[in-house]
Amino acid sequence: MEAIADALPAGDGVAWFAKLYLEVTRAVGTALIPGTFRDPAFLLQLDLAFAGLFFDAVRRSLQTPPTTPKAWTPLIEARSTPRIAPIQFALAGMNAHINRDLPIALVTTCEHAGVDLMEAAPERADFVRVNSLLAATEQRVKGQFATGLVGVVDVALGDVDDRIAMWNVGRARDAAWVQALTLWTLRVIPPLQRDAIETLDHVVGFAGRGLLVPVS
């Protein structure tokens, strides 16, 4: 993430998300206390799988653009668009990463770890515990990204400011767990699971476009 954020030009939309992601990751890492979680090995595997999906989206956007996940396409396409605020880029990235990538990462991690997601009580408890850490960090970082933006947004973006205000990482992660349960159930019917992922991808991409309306 540091390499991505450092390599991209100032004002690049993907860089803004990478900066937010890096800040959140660092803050959560600092807050973790040994013994806090019931299955820390699972959390580590989940974090790696989760981050890998972001890196894969960036790689695809550079090497094979047509294969970029639809959830990430709005941010990739709008990354150099003038009059889009940093907080909009950052939240569009969070939308794609949590609503699309996290369910996929959960299923993949459970498969590799031999964990039944339907019976994953310790993993679920750890997942919820991370929510509280992320929520506190998200509010602080969102405040930094949105400094000086509120008045402009109220006048220029109409209800977009309401959508930004309504974004909540805890609710998004809870929804991601439910989506993961659906994908987990469908894994015995691979064509249906692929269709479900494709539908989720498109829906999340549609939501992302709504977060990236330029300031006029």
C-alpha atoms as a PDB file:
ATOM      1  CA  MET A   1       0.000   0.000   0.000  1.00  0.00           C
ATOM      2  CA  GLU A   2       2.854   2.361   0.751  1.00  0.00           C
ATOM      3  CA  ALA A   3       4.330   1.652  -2.684  1.00  0.00           C
ATOM      4  CA  ILE A   4       1.012   2.326  -4.399  1.00  0.00           C
ATOM      5  CA  ALA A   5       0.371   5.535  -2.486  1.00  0.00           C
ATOM      6  CA  ASP A   6       3.919   6.807  -3.087  1.00  0.00           C
ATOM      7  CA  ALA A   7       4.047   5.884  -6.763  1.00  0.00           C
ATOM      8  CA  LEU A   8       0.835   7.607  -7.807  1.00  0.00           C
ATOM      9  CA  PRO A   9       0.608  11.342  -8.542  1.00  0.00           C
ATOM     10  CA  ALA A  10      -0.898  13.745  -6.039  1.00  0.00           C
ATOM     11  CA  GLY A  11      -4.653  13.897  -6.379  1.00  0.00           C
ATOM     12  CA  ASP A  12      -4.970  10.440  -7.935  1.00  0.00           C
ATOM     13  CA  GLY A  13      -8.190   8.817  -6.743  1.00  0.00           C
ATOM     14  CA  VAL A  14      -6.633   5.404  -6.188  1.00  0.00           C
ATOM     15  CA  ALA A  15      -3.861   7.028  -4.160  1.00  0.00           C
ATOM     16  CA  TRP A  16      -6.424   8.649  -1.868  1.00  0.00           C
ATOM     17  CA  PHE A  17      -7.982   5.278  -1.136  1.00  0.00           C
ATOM     18  CA  ALA A  18      -4.562   3.687  -0.648  1.00  0.00           C
ATOM     19  CA  LYS A  19      -3.702   6.404   1.887  1.00  0.00           C
ATOM     20  CA  LEU A  20      -6.928   5.796   3.771  1.00  0.00           C
ATOM     21  CA  TYR A  21      -6.401   2.020   3.696  1.00  0.00           C
ATOM     22  CA  LEU A  22      -2.838   2.431   4.949  1.00  0.00           C
ATOM     23  CA  GLU A  23      -3.875   4.728   7.799  1.00  0.00           C
ATOM     24  CA  VAL A  24      -6.649   2.388   8.891  1.00  0.00           C
ATOM     25  CA  THR A  25      -4.358  -0.653   8.710  1.00  0.00           C
ATOM     26  CA  ARG A  26      -1.671   1.051  10.779  1.00  0.00           C
ATOM     27  CA  ALA A  27      -4.132   2.277  13.401  1.00  0.00           C
ATOM     28  CA  VAL A  28      -5.781  -1.106  13.794  1.00  0.00           C
ATOM     29  CA  GLY A  29      -2.383  -2.818  13.985  1.00  0.00           C
ATOM     30  CA  THR A  30      -1.356  -0.465  16.779  1.00  0.00           C
ATOM     31  CA  ALA A  31      -4.555  -1.191  18.678  1.00  0.00           C
ATOM     32  CA  LEU A  32      -4.199  -4.969  18.564  1.00  0.00           C
ATOM     33  CA  ILE A  33      -3.207  -6.516  21.875  1.00  0.00           C
ATOM     34  CA  PRO A  34      -1.910 -10.109  22.107  1.00  0.00           C
ATOM     35  CA  GLY A  35      -4.631 -12.367  23.451  1.00  0.00           C
ATOM     36  CA  THR A  36      -7.430 -10.094  22.288  1.00  0.00           C
ATOM     37  CA  PHE A  37      -8.634 -12.415  19.528  1.00  0.00           C
ATOM     38  CA  ARG A  38      -9.789 -16.015  19.638  1.00  0.00           C
ATOM     39  CA  ASP A  39      -8.335 -16.991  16.248  1.00  0.00           C
ATOM     40  CA  PRO A  40      -5.576 -14.518  15.293  1.00  0.00           C
ATOM     41  CA  ALA A  41      -4.185 -16.861  12.621  1.00  0.00           C
ATOM     42  CA  PHE A  42      -7.492 -16.742  10.779  1.00  0.00           C
ATOM     43  CA  LEU A  43      -7.578 -12.947  10.996  1.00  0.00           C
ATOM     44  CA  LEU A  44      -4.084 -12.725   9.532  1.00  0.00           C
ATOM     45  CA  GLN A  45      -5.026 -14.994   6.631  1.00  0.00           C
ATOM     46  CA  LEU A  46      -8.182 -12.951   6.064  1.00  0.00           C
ATOM     47  CA  ASP A  47      -6.246  -9.664   6.056  1.00  0.00           C
ATOM     48  CA  LEU A  48      -3.788 -11.001   3.490  1.00  0.00           C
ATOM     49  CA  ALA A  49      -6.515 -12.374   1.219  1.00  0.00           C
ATOM     50  CA  PHE A  50      -8.481  -9.141   1.590  1.00  0.00           C
ATOM     51  CA  ALA A  51      -5.564  -6.844   0.714  1.00  0.00           C
ATOM     52  CA  GLY A  52      -4.612  -9.140  -2.154  1.00  0.00           C
ATOM     53  CA  LEU A  53      -7.925  -8.443  -3.879  1.00  0.00           C
ATOM     54  CA  PHE A  54      -7.189  -4.700  -3.885  1.00  0.00           C
ATOM     55  CA  PHE A  55      -3.714  -5.296  -5.280  1.00  0.00           C
ATOM     56  CA  ASP A  56      -5.208  -7.592  -7.920  1.00  0.00           C
ATOM     57  CA  ALA A  57      -7.725  -4.922  -8.966  1.00  0.00           C
ATOM     58  CA  VAL A  58      -4.935  -2.362  -9.391  1.00  0.00           C
ATOM     59  CA  ARG A  59      -2.816  -4.844 -11.348  1.00  0.00           C
ATOM     60  CA  ARG A  60      -5.704  -5.728 -13.650  1.00  0.00           C
ATOM     61  CA  SER A  61      -6.513  -2.068 -14.264  1.00  0.00           C
ATOM     62  CA  LEU A  62      -2.942  -1.585 -15.514  1.00  0.00           C
ATOM     63  CA  GLN A  63      -2.345  -4.845 -17.370  1.00  0.00           C
ATOM     64  CA  THR A  64      -5.762  -6.025 -18.574  1.00  0.00           C
ATOM     65  CA  PRO A  65      -8.306  -3.201 -18.009  1.00  0.00           C
ATOM     66  CA  PRO A  66     -11.341  -5.143 -19.305  1.00  0.00           C
ATOM     67  CA  THR A  67     -10.874  -7.694 -16.502  1.00  0.00           C
ATOM     68  CA  THR A  68     -10.945  -5.084 -13.716  1.00  0.00           C
ATOM     69  CA  PRO A  69     -13.738  -5.967 -11.263  1.00  0.00           C
ATOM     70  CA  LYS A  70     -16.828  -3.851 -11.923  1.00  0.00           C
ATOM     71  CA  ALA A  71     -16.870  -2.773  -8.288  1.00  0.00           C
ATOM     72  CA  TRP A  72     -13.499  -1.076  -8.782  1.00  0.00           C
ATOM     73  CA  THR A  73     -14.168   0.342 -12.253  1.00  0.00           C
ATOM     74  CA  PRO A  74     -15.821   3.617 -11.090  1.00  0.00           C
ATOM     75  CA  LEU A  75     -12.816   4.554  -8.955  1.00  0.00           C
ATOM     76  CA  ILE A  76     -10.321   3.518 -11.629  1.00  0.00           C
ATOM     77  CA  GLU A  77     -12.136   5.456 -14.348  1.00  0.00           C
ATOM     78  CA  ALA A  78     -12.685   8.579 -12.216  1.00  0.00           C
ATOM     79  CA  ARG A  79      -9.264   8.615 -10.564  1.00  0.00           C
ATOM     80  CA  SER A  80      -8.107  11.730 -12.496  1.00  0.00           C
ATOM     81  CA  THR A  81     -11.469  13.484 -12.759  1.00  0.00           C
ATOM     82  CA  PRO A  82     -11.349  17.086 -11.509  1.00  0.00           C
ATOM     83  CA  ARG A  83     -13.676  18.300  -8.742  1.00  0.00           C
ATOM     84  CA  ILE A  84     -13.988  14.978  -6.963  1.00  0.00           C
ATOM     85  CA  ALA A  85     -13.035  15.385  -3.311  1.00  0.00           C
ATOM     86  CA  PRO A  86     -10.496  13.099  -1.596  1.00  0.00           C
ATOM     87  CA  ILE A  87     -13.166  11.748   0.769  1.00  0.00           C
ATOM     88  CA  GLN A  88     -15.254  10.670  -2.221  1.00  0.00           C
ATOM     89  CA  PHE A  89     -12.363   8.712  -3.718  1.00  0.00           C
ATOM     90  CA  ALA A  90     -11.556   7.161  -0.353  1.00  0.00           C
ATOM     91  CA  LEU A  91     -15.124   6.060   0.332  1.00  0.00           C
ATOM     92  CA  ALA A  92     -15.596   4.760  -3.205  1.00  0.00           C
ATOM     93  CA  GLY A  93     -12.581   2.546  -2.587  1.00  0.00           C
ATOM     94  CA  MET A  94     -13.967   1.392   0.750  1.00  0.00           C
ATOM     95  CA  ASN A  95     -17.277   0.627  -0.959  1.00  0.00           C
ATOM     96  CA  ALA A  96     -15.570  -1.627  -3.512  1.00  0.00           C
ATOM     97  CA  HIS A  97     -13.194  -3.222  -1.044  1.00  0.00           C
ATOM     98  CA  ILE A  98     -15.624  -4.024   1.762  1.00  0.00           C
ATOM     99  CA  ASN A  99     -18.847  -4.672  -0.132  1.00  0.00           C
ATOM    100  CA  ARG A 100     -17.293  -6.736  -2.932  1.00  0.00           C
ATOM    101  CA  ASP A 101     -13.846  -7.937  -1.840  1.00  0.00           C
ATOM    102  CA  LEU A 102     -14.501  -8.793   1.802  1.00  0.00           C
ATOM    103  CA  PRO A 103     -17.190 -11.452   1.174  1.00  0.00           C
ATOM    104  CA  ILE A 104     -14.925 -13.122  -1.384  1.00  0.00           C
ATOM    105  CA  ALA A 105     -11.948 -12.961   0.991  1.00  0.00           C
ATOM    106  CA  LEU A 106     -14.000 -14.500   3.811  1.00  0.00           C
ATOM    107  CA  VAL A 107     -15.045 -17.463   1.670  1.00  0.00           C
ATOM    108  CA  THR A 108     -11.526 -17.986   0.325  1.00  0.00           C
ATOM    109  CA  THR A 109      -9.964 -17.808   3.785  1.00  0.00           C
ATOM    110  CA  CYS A 110     -12.469 -20.249   5.281  1.00  0.00           C
ATOM    111  CA  GLU A 111     -11.816 -22.710   2.465  1.00  0.00           C
ATOM    112  CA  HIS A 112      -8.055 -22.530   2.951  1.00  0.00           C
ATOM    113  CA  ALA A 113      -8.273 -22.663   6.752  1.00  0.00           C
ATOM    114  CA  GLY A 114     -10.781 -25.512   6.839  1.00  0.00           C
ATOM    115  CA  VAL A 115     -13.323 -23.357   8.670  1.00  0.00           C
ATOM    116  CA  ASP A 116     -17.059 -23.775   8.096  1.00  0.00           C
ATOM    117  CA  LEU A 117     -18.307 -20.210   7.748  1.00  0.00           C
ATOM    118  CA  MET A 118     -21.793 -21.267   8.859  1.00  0.00           C
ATOM    119  CA  GLU A 119     -20.346 -22.475  12.179  1.00  0.00           C
ATOM    120  CA  ALA A 120     -17.532 -19.940  12.578  1.00  0.00           C
ATOM    121  CA  ALA A 121     -18.432 -18.522  15.992  1.00  0.00           C
ATOM    122  CA  PRO A 122     -14.852 -17.644  17.098  1.00  0.00           C
ATOM    123  CA  GLU A 123     -14.075 -16.078  13.723  1.00  0.00           C
ATOM    124  CA  ARG A 124     -17.339 -14.153  13.762  1.00  0.00           C
ATOM    125  CA  ALA A 125     -16.598 -12.826  17.252  1.00  0.00           C
ATOM    126  CA  ASP A 126     -13.158 -11.633  16.140  1.00  0.00           C
ATOM    127  CA  PHE A 127     -14.676 -10.079  13.012  1.00  0.00           C
ATOM    128  CA  VAL A 128     -17.137  -8.075  15.104  1.00  0.00           C
ATOM    129  CA  ARG A 129     -14.384  -7.044  17.509  1.00  0.00           C
ATOM    130  CA  VAL A 130     -12.396  -5.604  14.591  1.00  0.00           C
ATOM    131  CA  ASN A 131     -15.475  -3.561  13.623  1.00  0.00           C
ATOM    132  CA  SER A 132     -15.178  -1.396  16.730  1.00  0.00           C
ATOM    133  CA  LEU A 133     -11.495  -0.730  16.058  1.00  0.00           C
ATOM    134  CA  LEU A 134     -12.217   0.169  12.469  1.00  0.00           C
ATOM    135  CA  ALA A 135     -15.160   2.408  13.350  1.00  0.00           C
ATOM    136  CA  ALA A 136     -13.084   4.629  15.634  1.00  0.00           C
ATOM    137  CA  THR A 137     -10.240   4.816  13.130  1.00  0.00           C
ATOM    138  CA  GLU A 138     -12.593   5.444  10.229  1.00  0.00           C
ATOM    139  CA  GLN A 139     -14.175   8.466  11.908  1.00  0.00           C
ATOM    140  CA  ARG A 140     -10.790  10.024  12.618  1.00  0.00           C
ATOM    141  CA  VAL A 141      -9.433   9.425   9.129  1.00  0.00           C
ATOM    142  CA  LYS A 142     -12.656  10.475   7.422  1.00  0.00           C
ATOM    143  CA  GLY A 143     -12.453  13.734   9.378  1.00  0.00           C
ATOM    144  CA  GLN A 144      -8.946  14.329   8.040  1.00  0.00           C
ATOM    145  CA  PHE A 145      -9.980  13.619   4.456  1.00  0.00           C
ATOM    146  CA  ALA A 146     -13.146  15.719   4.684  1.00  0.00           C
ATOM    147  CA  THR A 147     -11.579  18.793   6.291  1.00  0.00           C
ATOM    148  CA  GLY A 148     -13.020  21.884   4.651  1.00  0.00           C
ATOM    149  CA  LEU A 149     -15.383  19.830   2.511  1.00  0.00           C
ATOM    150  CA  VAL A 150     -18.706  20.024   4.326  1.00  0.00           C
ATOM    151  CA  GLY A 151     -19.776  23.484   3.185  1.00  0.00           C
ATOM    152  CA  VAL A 152     -18.787  22.793  -0.401  1.00  0.00           C
ATOM    153  CA  VAL A 153     -20.591  19.475  -0.455  1.00  0.00           C
ATOM    154  CA  ASP A 154     -23.820  20.899   0.966  1.00  0.00           C
ATOM    155  CA  VAL A 155     -24.036  23.434  -1.849  1.00  0.00           C
ATOM    156  CA  ALA A 156     -22.603  21.536  -4.784  1.00  0.00           C
ATOM    157  CA  LEU A 157     -23.379  17.872  -4.317  1.00  0.00           C
ATOM    158  CA  GLY A 158     -26.960  17.825  -3.120  1.00  0.00           C
ATOM    159  CA  ASP A 159     -27.658  14.498  -1.445  1.00  0.00           C
ATOM    160  CA  VAL A 160     -24.172  13.127  -2.064  1.00  0.00           C
ATOM    161  CA  ASP A 161     -23.113  14.517   1.299  1.00  0.00           C
ATOM    162  CA  ASP A 162     -25.905  12.482   2.859  1.00  0.00           C
ATOM    163  CA  ARG A 163     -24.538   9.348   1.215  1.00  0.00           C
ATOM    164  CA  ILE A 164     -21.059  10.154   2.528  1.00  0.00           C
ATOM    165  CA  ALA A 165     -22.409  10.788   6.017  1.00  0.00           C
ATOM    166  CA  MET A 166     -24.392   7.541   5.927  1.00  0.00           C
ATOM    167  CA  TRP A 167     -21.353   5.414   5.072  1.00  0.00           C
ATOM    168  CA  ASN A 168     -20.561   3.252   8.071  1.00  0.00           C
ATOM    169  CA  VAL A 169     -17.789   0.677   8.062  1.00  0.00           C
ATOM    170  CA  GLY A 170     -19.437  -1.483  10.709  1.00  0.00           C
ATOM    171  CA  ARG A 171     -22.697  -1.787   8.788  1.00  0.00           C
ATOM    172  CA  ALA A 172     -20.793  -2.447   5.579  1.00  0.00           C
ATOM    173  CA  ARG A 173     -18.764  -5.234   7.215  1.00  0.00           C
ATOM    174  CA  ASP A 174     -21.899  -6.786   8.714  1.00  0.00           C
ATOM    175  CA  ALA A 175     -23.464  -6.818   5.254  1.00  0.00           C
ATOM    176  CA  ALA A 176     -20.269  -8.333   3.859  1.00  0.00           C
ATOM    177  CA  TRP A 177     -20.519 -11.217   6.329  1.00  0.00           C
ATOM    178  CA  VAL A 178     -24.084 -11.905   5.179  1.00  0.00           C
ATOM    179  CA  GLN A 179     -22.969 -11.809   1.545  1.00  0.00           C
ATOM    180  CA  ALA A 180     -20.168 -14.215   2.425  1.00  0.00           C
ATOM    181  CA  LEU A 181     -22.674 -16.640   3.938  1.00  0.00           C
ATOM    182  CA  THR A 182     -24.595 -16.574   0.655  1.00  0.00           C
ATOM    183  CA  LEU A 183     -21.451 -17.250  -1.377  1.00  0.00           C
ATOM    184  CA  TRP A 184     -20.434 -19.983   1.066  1.00  0.00           C
ATOM    185  CA  THR A 185     -23.780 -21.726   0.655  1.00  0.00           C
ATOM    186  CA  LEU A 186     -23.513 -21.492  -3.124  1.00  0.00           C
ATOM    187  CA  ARG A 187     -20.006 -22.934  -3.308  1.00  0.00           C
ATOM    188  CA  VAL A 188     -21.514 -26.407  -3.944  1.00  0.00           C
ATOM    189  CA  ILE A 189     -23.025 -24.985  -7.148  1.00  0.00           C
ATOM    190  CA  PRO A 190     -20.076 -23.129  -8.720  1.00  0.00           C
ATOM    191  CA  PRO A 191     -22.046 -21.591 -11.644  1.00  0.00           C
ATOM    192  CA  LEU A 192     -24.532 -20.024  -9.226  1.00  0.00           C
ATOM    193  CA  GLN A 193     -21.738 -18.799  -6.992  1.00  0.00           C
ATOM    194  CA  ARG A 194     -20.027 -17.172  -9.982  1.00  0.00           C
ATOM    195  CA  ASP A 195     -23.323 -15.540 -10.962  1.00  0.00           C
ATOM    196  CA  ALA A 196     -23.801 -14.250  -7.420  1.00  0.00           C
ATOM    197  CA  ILE A 197     -20.300 -12.746  -7.382  1.00  0.00           C
ATOM    198  CA  GLU A 198     -20.862 -11.127 -10.764  1.00  0.00           C
ATOM    199  CA  THR A 199     -24.164  -9.628  -9.607  1.00  0.00           C
ATOM    200  CA  LEU A 200     -22.575  -8.362  -6.393  1.00  0.00           C
ATOM    201  CA  ASP A 201     -19.718  -6.889  -8.419  1.00  0.00           C
ATOM    202  CA  HIS A 202     -22.100  -4.912 -10.633  1.00  0.00           C
ATOM    203  CA  VAL A 203     -24.283  -3.691  -7.757  1.00  0.00           C
ATOM    204  CA  VAL A 204     -21.279  -2.464  -5.774  1.00  0.00           C
ATOM    205  CA  GLY A 205     -19.938  -0.737  -8.887  1.00  0.00           C
ATOM    206  CA  PHE A 206     -23.251   1.064  -9.340  1.00  0.00           C
ATOM    207  CA  ALA A 207     -23.097   2.319  -5.749  1.00  0.00           C
ATOM    208  CA  GLY A 208     -19.517   3.464  -6.301  1.00  0.00           C
ATOM    209  CA  ARG A 209     -20.560   5.716  -9.176  1.00  0.00           C
ATOM    210  CA  GLY A 210     -22.984   7.437  -6.850  1.00  0.00           C
ATOM    211  CA  LEU A 211     -20.126   8.318  -4.488  1.00  0.00           C
ATOM    212  CA  LEU A 212     -18.051   9.873  -7.265  1.00  0.00           C
ATOM    213  CA  VAL A 213     -20.272  12.697  -8.501  1.00  0.00           C
ATOM    214  CA  PRO A 214     -17.956  15.669  -9.223  1.00  0.00           C
ATOM    215  CA  VAL A 215     -18.370  18.975  -7.409  1.00  0.00           C
ATOM    216  CA  SER A 216     -19.777  21.441  -9.932  1.00  0.00           C
END
